[in-house]
């Protein structure tokens, strides 16, 4: 089963993609635009894995990855943060409940929010 939505990941409110797939009261998986210590400003284009077991990895190709592509790519390429993402970048991720997620960055905003087209594949 796949679920798709356009979603905003806001700096003040992390996103739980497990809750999109079903009703869940789990901790959030992803956050955007952390505050930079040196300037106090929010960084635009940053994505962070914040939940336990959450993994994110930048997809290196321009073609859209499938479930199998993201599933194979995220583990060995996982990082806890992706900095300086750009519009049209694609991120493969795994949630705290081991769902595979594909995020395609649609828009970055001045308030450091990240708008993405999101596909969540249910287990």
N, C-alpha and C. Protein backbone atom coordinates (compact mmCIF):
# COMPACT_ATOMS: atom_id res chain seq x y z
N UNK A 1 0.84 -1.18 0.00
CA UNK A 1 0.00 0.00 0.00
C UNK A 1 0.88 1.23 0.00
N UNK A 2 0.56 2.21 -0.82
CA UNK A 2 1.30 3.46 -0.80
C UNK A 2 0.36 4.61 -0.52
N UNK A 3 0.86 5.58 0.19
CA UNK A 3 0.10 6.78 0.48
C UNK A 3 0.93 7.96 0.03
N UNK A 4 0.30 8.93 -0.58
CA UNK A 4 1.05 10.05 -1.12
C UNK A 4 0.40 11.34 -0.66
N UNK A 5 1.21 12.33 -0.39
CA UNK A 5 0.69 13.63 0.01
C UNK A 5 1.74 14.69 -0.27
N UNK A 6 1.28 15.91 -0.28
CA UNK A 6 2.20 17.03 -0.25
C UNK A 6 2.28 17.43 1.21
N UNK A 7 3.47 17.54 1.71
CA UNK A 7 3.61 17.85 3.12
C UNK A 7 4.63 18.94 3.36
N UNK A 8 4.42 19.66 4.42
CA UNK A 8 5.39 20.65 4.86
C UNK A 8 6.06 20.13 6.12
N UNK A 9 7.36 20.23 6.15
CA UNK A 9 8.11 19.89 7.35
C UNK A 9 8.59 21.22 7.92
N UNK A 10 8.04 21.58 9.05
CA UNK A 10 8.33 22.88 9.66
C UNK A 10 9.41 22.75 10.72
N UNK A 11 10.22 23.80 10.89
CA UNK A 11 11.26 23.76 11.92
C UNK A 11 10.71 23.57 13.33
N UNK A 12 9.56 24.18 13.64
CA UNK A 12 9.03 24.09 15.00
C UNK A 12 8.22 22.82 15.24
N UNK A 13 7.91 22.08 14.19
CA UNK A 13 7.06 20.90 14.36
C UNK A 13 7.56 19.78 13.46
N UNK A 14 8.20 18.81 14.03
CA UNK A 14 8.73 17.68 13.27
C UNK A 14 7.58 16.85 12.73
N UNK A 15 7.87 16.05 11.71
CA UNK A 15 6.85 15.28 11.00
C UNK A 15 6.98 13.79 11.30
N UNK A 16 5.85 13.15 11.53
CA UNK A 16 5.82 11.71 11.76
C UNK A 16 5.11 11.06 10.58
N UNK A 17 5.87 10.45 9.67
CA UNK A 17 5.28 9.83 8.50
C UNK A 17 4.62 8.49 8.83
N UNK A 18 4.86 7.94 9.99
CA UNK A 18 4.12 6.75 10.41
C UNK A 18 2.66 7.12 10.68
N UNK A 19 2.43 8.32 11.17
CA UNK A 19 1.07 8.77 11.45
C UNK A 19 0.28 8.95 10.16
N UNK A 20 0.95 9.25 9.05
CA UNK A 20 0.27 9.36 7.77
C UNK A 20 -0.22 7.99 7.33
N UNK A 21 0.58 6.98 7.56
CA UNK A 21 0.24 5.64 7.11
C UNK A 21 -0.87 5.02 7.95
N UNK A 22 -0.93 5.37 9.21
CA UNK A 22 -2.01 4.90 10.08
C UNK A 22 -1.99 5.75 11.33
N UNK A 23 -3.00 5.65 12.10
CA UNK A 23 -3.08 6.41 13.34
C UNK A 23 -2.02 5.91 14.31
N UNK A 24 -1.14 6.79 14.70
CA UNK A 24 -0.06 6.39 15.60
C UNK A 24 0.30 7.56 16.51
N UNK A 25 0.64 7.27 17.72
CA UNK A 25 1.10 8.29 18.65
C UNK A 25 2.59 8.12 18.90
N UNK A 26 3.33 8.01 17.84
CA UNK A 26 4.76 7.79 17.95
C UNK A 26 5.51 9.13 17.88
N UNK A 27 6.76 9.10 18.23
CA UNK A 27 7.60 10.29 18.15
C UNK A 27 7.82 10.65 16.69
N UNK A 28 8.12 11.91 16.46
CA UNK A 28 8.34 12.41 15.10
C UNK A 28 9.58 11.77 14.47
N UNK A 29 9.58 11.73 13.14
CA UNK A 29 10.68 11.14 12.39
C UNK A 29 11.63 12.16 11.78
N UNK A 30 11.08 13.27 11.30
CA UNK A 30 11.88 14.21 10.51
C UNK A 30 11.64 15.64 10.96
N UNK A 31 12.69 16.46 10.89
CA UNK A 31 12.58 17.88 11.19
C UNK A 31 13.37 18.65 10.15
N UNK A 32 13.03 19.93 9.99
CA UNK A 32 13.70 20.77 9.01
C UNK A 32 14.28 22.01 9.67
N UNK A 33 15.31 22.58 9.04
CA UNK A 33 15.82 23.89 9.39
C UNK A 33 16.19 24.14 10.83
N UNK A 34 17.17 23.45 11.34
CA UNK A 34 17.65 23.66 12.70
C UNK A 34 18.21 25.07 12.85
N UNK A 35 18.25 25.57 14.07
CA UNK A 35 18.81 26.90 14.32
C UNK A 35 20.34 26.81 14.33
N UNK A 36 20.98 27.68 13.55
CA UNK A 36 22.45 27.71 13.51
C UNK A 36 22.96 28.45 14.73
N UNK A 37 23.89 27.84 15.43
CA UNK A 37 24.42 28.42 16.67
C UNK A 37 25.12 29.75 16.44
N UNK A 38 25.85 29.88 15.34
CA UNK A 38 26.64 31.08 15.12
C UNK A 38 25.79 32.30 14.78
N UNK A 39 24.72 32.12 14.01
CA UNK A 39 23.92 33.26 13.57
C UNK A 39 22.56 33.35 14.25
N UNK A 40 22.09 32.25 14.82
CA UNK A 40 20.76 32.23 15.40
C UNK A 40 19.66 32.13 14.35
N UNK A 41 20.03 32.01 13.08
CA UNK A 41 19.07 31.91 11.99
C UNK A 41 18.76 30.44 11.70
N UNK A 42 17.60 30.20 11.15
CA UNK A 42 17.25 28.84 10.73
C UNK A 42 17.90 28.57 9.39
N UNK A 43 18.42 27.38 9.23
CA UNK A 43 19.09 27.01 7.99
C UNK A 43 18.07 26.47 7.00
N UNK A 44 18.06 27.01 5.81
CA UNK A 44 17.11 26.62 4.77
C UNK A 44 17.65 25.42 4.02
N UNK A 45 16.81 24.44 3.77
CA UNK A 45 17.20 23.28 2.98
C UNK A 45 17.82 22.15 3.77
N UNK A 46 17.62 22.13 5.07
CA UNK A 46 18.18 21.07 5.90
C UNK A 46 17.07 20.12 6.35
N UNK A 47 17.40 18.84 6.39
CA UNK A 47 16.48 17.81 6.85
C UNK A 47 17.20 16.94 7.86
N UNK A 48 16.54 16.65 8.97
CA UNK A 48 17.15 15.89 10.05
C UNK A 48 16.33 14.65 10.38
N UNK A 49 17.01 13.56 10.66
CA UNK A 49 16.37 12.35 11.17
C UNK A 49 16.34 12.50 12.68
N UNK A 50 15.16 12.53 13.28
CA UNK A 50 15.08 12.80 14.71
C UNK A 50 14.52 11.65 15.54
N UNK A 51 13.90 10.68 14.93
CA UNK A 51 13.33 9.57 15.68
C UNK A 51 14.31 8.42 15.80
N UNK A 52 14.09 7.58 16.79
CA UNK A 52 14.95 6.41 16.98
C UNK A 52 14.79 5.47 15.79
N UNK A 53 15.90 5.08 15.18
CA UNK A 53 15.87 4.18 14.04
C UNK A 53 15.58 4.85 12.71
N UNK A 54 15.35 6.16 12.71
CA UNK A 54 15.05 6.89 11.48
C UNK A 54 16.33 7.06 10.67
N UNK A 55 16.22 6.85 9.37
CA UNK A 55 17.37 6.98 8.47
C UNK A 55 16.97 7.82 7.27
N UNK A 56 17.89 8.65 6.79
CA UNK A 56 17.66 9.42 5.58
C UNK A 56 18.90 9.33 4.69
N UNK A 57 18.67 9.38 3.38
CA UNK A 57 19.78 9.32 2.43
C UNK A 57 19.36 10.05 1.16
N UNK A 58 20.25 10.88 0.66
CA UNK A 58 20.00 11.59 -0.59
C UNK A 58 20.07 10.60 -1.75
N UNK A 59 19.07 10.61 -2.62
CA UNK A 59 19.04 9.76 -3.80
C UNK A 59 19.96 10.38 -4.84
N UNK A 60 20.94 9.64 -5.38
CA UNK A 60 21.97 10.24 -6.24
C UNK A 60 21.57 10.42 -7.71
N UNK A 61 20.43 9.89 -8.10
CA UNK A 61 20.04 9.95 -9.51
C UNK A 61 18.87 10.91 -9.70
N UNK A 62 18.61 11.29 -10.95
CA UNK A 62 17.47 12.16 -11.26
C UNK A 62 16.20 11.36 -11.48
N UNK A 63 16.31 10.09 -11.85
CA UNK A 63 15.09 9.28 -12.03
C UNK A 63 14.46 9.04 -10.67
N UNK A 64 13.15 8.88 -10.67
CA UNK A 64 12.41 8.69 -9.44
C UNK A 64 12.63 7.26 -8.92
N UNK A 65 13.09 7.11 -7.68
CA UNK A 65 13.32 5.76 -7.14
C UNK A 65 12.01 5.06 -6.79
N UNK A 66 12.02 3.77 -6.92
CA UNK A 66 10.90 2.92 -6.52
C UNK A 66 11.06 2.55 -5.04
N UNK A 67 10.09 1.81 -4.53
CA UNK A 67 10.19 1.29 -3.17
C UNK A 67 11.47 0.47 -3.02
N UNK A 68 11.71 -0.43 -3.98
CA UNK A 68 12.90 -1.28 -3.91
C UNK A 68 14.18 -0.46 -3.94
N UNK A 69 14.22 0.57 -4.80
CA UNK A 69 15.39 1.44 -4.87
C UNK A 69 15.67 2.10 -3.52
N UNK A 70 14.65 2.71 -2.95
CA UNK A 70 14.83 3.41 -1.67
C UNK A 70 15.17 2.44 -0.55
N UNK A 71 14.51 1.29 -0.55
CA UNK A 71 14.76 0.30 0.48
C UNK A 71 16.22 -0.16 0.48
N UNK A 72 16.76 -0.38 -0.70
CA UNK A 72 18.17 -0.80 -0.81
C UNK A 72 19.14 0.34 -0.55
N UNK A 73 18.75 1.56 -0.91
CA UNK A 73 19.67 2.70 -0.83
C UNK A 73 19.81 3.28 0.57
N UNK A 74 18.73 3.33 1.31
CA UNK A 74 18.75 4.08 2.56
C UNK A 74 19.70 3.49 3.61
N UNK A 75 19.70 2.19 3.82
CA UNK A 75 20.54 1.59 4.87
C UNK A 75 22.02 1.90 4.76
N UNK A 76 22.67 1.50 3.66
CA UNK A 76 24.11 1.72 3.56
C UNK A 76 24.52 3.17 3.34
N UNK A 77 23.58 4.04 3.02
CA UNK A 77 23.89 5.44 2.74
C UNK A 77 23.28 6.39 3.76
N UNK A 78 22.77 5.86 4.85
CA UNK A 78 22.02 6.65 5.83
C UNK A 78 22.91 7.64 6.57
N UNK A 79 22.33 8.81 6.79
CA UNK A 79 22.96 9.87 7.58
C UNK A 79 21.90 10.42 8.53
N UNK A 80 22.31 11.19 9.50
CA UNK A 80 21.35 11.77 10.43
C UNK A 80 20.88 13.14 9.99
N UNK A 81 21.60 13.77 9.05
CA UNK A 81 21.19 15.08 8.55
C UNK A 81 21.62 15.25 7.10
N UNK A 82 20.78 15.94 6.35
CA UNK A 82 21.10 16.33 4.98
C UNK A 82 21.05 17.84 4.94
N UNK A 83 22.16 18.45 4.62
CA UNK A 83 22.24 19.91 4.64
C UNK A 83 22.23 20.46 3.22
N UNK A 84 21.65 21.62 3.06
CA UNK A 84 21.62 22.34 1.79
C UNK A 84 20.92 21.59 0.67
N UNK A 85 19.77 21.01 0.98
CA UNK A 85 18.96 20.39 -0.06
C UNK A 85 18.45 21.47 -1.02
N UNK A 86 18.16 21.07 -2.23
CA UNK A 86 17.66 21.98 -3.25
C UNK A 86 16.33 21.47 -3.77
N UNK A 87 15.58 22.36 -4.40
CA UNK A 87 14.34 21.95 -5.04
C UNK A 87 14.64 20.86 -6.05
N UNK A 88 13.78 19.85 -6.11
CA UNK A 88 13.88 18.67 -6.97
C UNK A 88 14.80 17.59 -6.41
N UNK A 89 15.51 17.84 -5.30
CA UNK A 89 16.29 16.76 -4.69
C UNK A 89 15.33 15.69 -4.19
N UNK A 90 15.81 14.45 -4.19
CA UNK A 90 15.00 13.32 -3.74
C UNK A 90 15.71 12.66 -2.56
N UNK A 91 14.94 12.36 -1.53
CA UNK A 91 15.47 11.74 -0.33
C UNK A 91 14.73 10.42 -0.10
N UNK A 92 15.49 9.38 0.15
CA UNK A 92 14.92 8.10 0.58
C UNK A 92 15.07 8.04 2.10
N UNK A 93 14.08 7.48 2.76
CA UNK A 93 14.12 7.46 4.22
C UNK A 93 13.45 6.21 4.76
N UNK A 94 13.76 5.95 6.02
CA UNK A 94 13.09 4.89 6.75
C UNK A 94 12.60 5.48 8.05
N UNK A 95 11.33 5.24 8.38
CA UNK A 95 10.75 5.80 9.60
C UNK A 95 11.11 4.95 10.82
N UNK A 96 10.70 5.42 11.98
CA UNK A 96 10.96 4.69 13.21
C UNK A 96 10.22 3.35 13.25
N UNK A 97 9.18 3.22 12.43
CA UNK A 97 8.45 1.95 12.34
C UNK A 97 8.83 1.18 11.07
N UNK A 98 9.96 1.51 10.50
CA UNK A 98 10.57 0.83 9.35
C UNK A 98 9.77 0.95 8.05
N UNK A 99 8.94 1.98 7.93
CA UNK A 99 8.31 2.25 6.63
C UNK A 99 9.32 2.96 5.75
N UNK A 100 9.25 2.69 4.47
CA UNK A 100 10.13 3.36 3.50
C UNK A 100 9.38 4.58 2.95
N UNK A 101 10.11 5.70 2.86
CA UNK A 101 9.53 6.97 2.45
C UNK A 101 10.39 7.57 1.34
N UNK A 102 9.72 8.19 0.37
CA UNK A 102 10.42 8.97 -0.66
C UNK A 102 9.91 10.40 -0.56
N UNK A 103 10.84 11.35 -0.42
CA UNK A 103 10.49 12.76 -0.38
C UNK A 103 11.13 13.45 -1.58
N UNK A 104 10.34 14.16 -2.34
CA UNK A 104 10.88 14.98 -3.42
C UNK A 104 10.67 16.43 -3.01
N UNK A 105 11.76 17.17 -2.86
CA UNK A 105 11.68 18.56 -2.41
C UNK A 105 11.01 19.38 -3.50
N UNK A 106 9.92 20.04 -3.14
CA UNK A 106 9.18 20.89 -4.08
C UNK A 106 9.57 22.35 -3.89
N UNK A 107 9.67 22.76 -2.63
CA UNK A 107 9.92 24.18 -2.36
C UNK A 107 10.61 24.34 -1.02
N UNK A 108 11.54 25.26 -0.94
CA UNK A 108 12.18 25.66 0.31
C UNK A 108 11.72 27.07 0.61
N UNK A 109 11.36 27.34 1.85
CA UNK A 109 10.85 28.66 2.19
C UNK A 109 11.82 29.41 3.10
N UNK A 110 11.62 30.72 3.16
CA UNK A 110 12.51 31.55 3.98
C UNK A 110 12.44 31.22 5.46
N UNK A 111 11.32 30.65 5.91
CA UNK A 111 11.22 30.30 7.33
C UNK A 111 11.81 28.91 7.60
N UNK A 112 12.53 28.36 6.61
CA UNK A 112 13.25 27.08 6.72
C UNK A 112 12.33 25.87 6.66
N UNK A 113 11.08 26.07 6.25
CA UNK A 113 10.20 24.92 6.03
C UNK A 113 10.59 24.25 4.73
N UNK A 114 10.26 23.00 4.65
CA UNK A 114 10.57 22.22 3.46
C UNK A 114 9.25 21.62 2.97
N UNK A 115 8.84 21.99 1.76
CA UNK A 115 7.64 21.41 1.18
C UNK A 115 8.07 20.27 0.28
N UNK A 116 7.43 19.12 0.45
CA UNK A 116 7.85 17.94 -0.30
C UNK A 116 6.64 17.14 -0.77
N UNK A 117 6.81 16.48 -1.90
CA UNK A 117 5.86 15.48 -2.34
C UNK A 117 6.34 14.18 -1.71
N UNK A 118 5.48 13.55 -0.94
CA UNK A 118 5.90 12.44 -0.09
C UNK A 118 5.14 11.17 -0.45
N UNK A 119 5.85 10.07 -0.58
CA UNK A 119 5.25 8.75 -0.72
C UNK A 119 5.68 7.93 0.47
N UNK A 120 4.70 7.36 1.18
CA UNK A 120 4.97 6.48 2.30
C UNK A 120 4.49 5.08 1.90
N UNK A 121 5.41 4.15 1.88
CA UNK A 121 5.03 2.77 1.57
C UNK A 121 4.74 2.06 2.88
N UNK A 122 3.57 1.49 2.99
CA UNK A 122 3.20 0.76 4.20
C UNK A 122 3.97 -0.56 4.22
N UNK A 123 4.13 -1.11 5.39
CA UNK A 123 4.88 -2.35 5.55
C UNK A 123 4.13 -3.51 4.94
